[in-house]
Amino acid sequence: MDKAKDNLSNNFSKIIKSFKDKWVAVPSDYSKVVASADTLQGVMNKIKDNNDLKVFKVIPLDMIYSPCNL
């Protein structure tokens, strides 16, 4: 992993640390959390039609997961 990606990963981990088990919406540069909620529907209601955001659930940082396409 190059140094820039490593820094992005470390910074993003710090940003989302307080959003454990929440749904979040972030911009494509992962610089901040734009919206958060307990449910996917809750965060979608907050961001409305902003399609430029990435939405996902924050899992505990010590947990391993495998994403899949549905």
Protein backbone atom coordinates (compact mmCIF):
# COMPACT_ATOMS: atom_id res chain seq x y z
CA MET A 1 0.00 0.00 0.00
CA ASP A 2 1.43 3.39 -0.87
CA LYS A 3 1.91 6.07 1.78
CA ALA A 4 -0.99 8.29 0.59
CA LYS A 5 -3.48 5.41 0.80
CA ASP A 6 -2.12 4.41 4.18
CA ASN A 7 -2.61 7.96 5.51
CA LEU A 8 -6.14 8.08 4.07
CA SER A 9 -6.96 4.78 5.76
CA ASN A 10 -5.59 5.92 9.13
CA ASN A 11 -7.36 9.28 8.97
CA PHE A 12 -10.65 7.71 7.92
CA SER A 13 -10.45 5.17 10.75
CA LYS A 14 -10.17 8.07 13.20
CA ILE A 15 -13.11 9.90 11.60
CA ILE A 16 -15.52 6.95 11.77
CA LYS A 17 -14.42 5.68 15.19
CA SER A 18 -17.36 7.37 16.94
CA PHE A 19 -19.90 5.98 14.44
CA LYS A 20 -19.57 2.27 15.38
CA ASP A 21 -22.68 0.26 14.39
CA LYS A 22 -24.17 3.28 12.55
CA TRP A 23 -24.93 3.87 8.90
CA VAL A 24 -22.87 6.74 7.45
CA ALA A 25 -22.66 8.74 4.24
CA VAL A 26 -19.26 10.07 3.16
CA PRO A 27 -17.93 11.93 0.10
CA SER A 28 -15.75 10.06 -2.41
CA ASP A 29 -12.57 11.40 -0.77
CA TYR A 30 -13.64 9.93 2.61
CA SER A 31 -12.76 13.23 4.30
CA LYS A 32 -15.75 13.47 6.65
CA VAL A 33 -19.04 11.91 7.65
CA VAL A 34 -21.85 13.90 6.01
CA ALA A 35 -24.74 12.05 7.66
CA SER A 36 -25.28 9.18 10.07
CA ALA A 37 -28.21 7.21 11.46
CA ASP A 38 -29.05 3.93 13.15
CA THR A 39 -30.70 2.61 9.98
CA LEU A 40 -29.99 2.72 6.27
CA GLN A 41 -33.36 4.39 5.70
CA GLY A 42 -32.49 7.04 8.28
CA VAL A 43 -29.25 8.02 6.56
CA MET A 44 -30.90 7.92 3.11
CA ASN A 45 -33.59 10.32 4.35
CA LYS A 46 -30.89 12.71 5.55
CA ILE A 47 -28.92 12.78 2.28
CA LYS A 48 -31.99 12.79 -0.01
CA ASP A 49 -30.87 12.97 -3.67
CA ASN A 50 -27.14 13.42 -3.14
CA ASN A 51 -25.83 10.57 -5.32
CA ASP A 52 -22.18 11.57 -4.91
CA LEU A 53 -21.95 10.04 -1.44
CA LYS A 54 -20.92 6.54 -0.42
CA VAL A 55 -23.16 4.91 2.17
CA PHE A 56 -22.18 2.01 4.40
CA LYS A 57 -22.47 0.61 7.89
CA VAL A 58 -19.52 1.15 10.23
CA ILE A 59 -18.56 -2.13 11.82
CA PRO A 60 -16.22 -2.47 14.80
CA LEU A 61 -12.64 -1.92 13.60
CA ASP A 62 -11.52 -5.26 15.04
CA MET A 63 -14.16 -7.20 13.08
CA ILE A 64 -13.46 -8.90 9.74
CA TYR A 65 -16.05 -8.79 6.98
CA SER A 66 -16.37 -9.70 3.34
CA PRO A 67 -18.45 -7.39 1.13
CA CYS A 68 -20.54 -8.82 -1.67
CA ASN A 69 -22.57 -7.47 -4.56
CA LEU A 70 -26.29 -8.11 -4.44
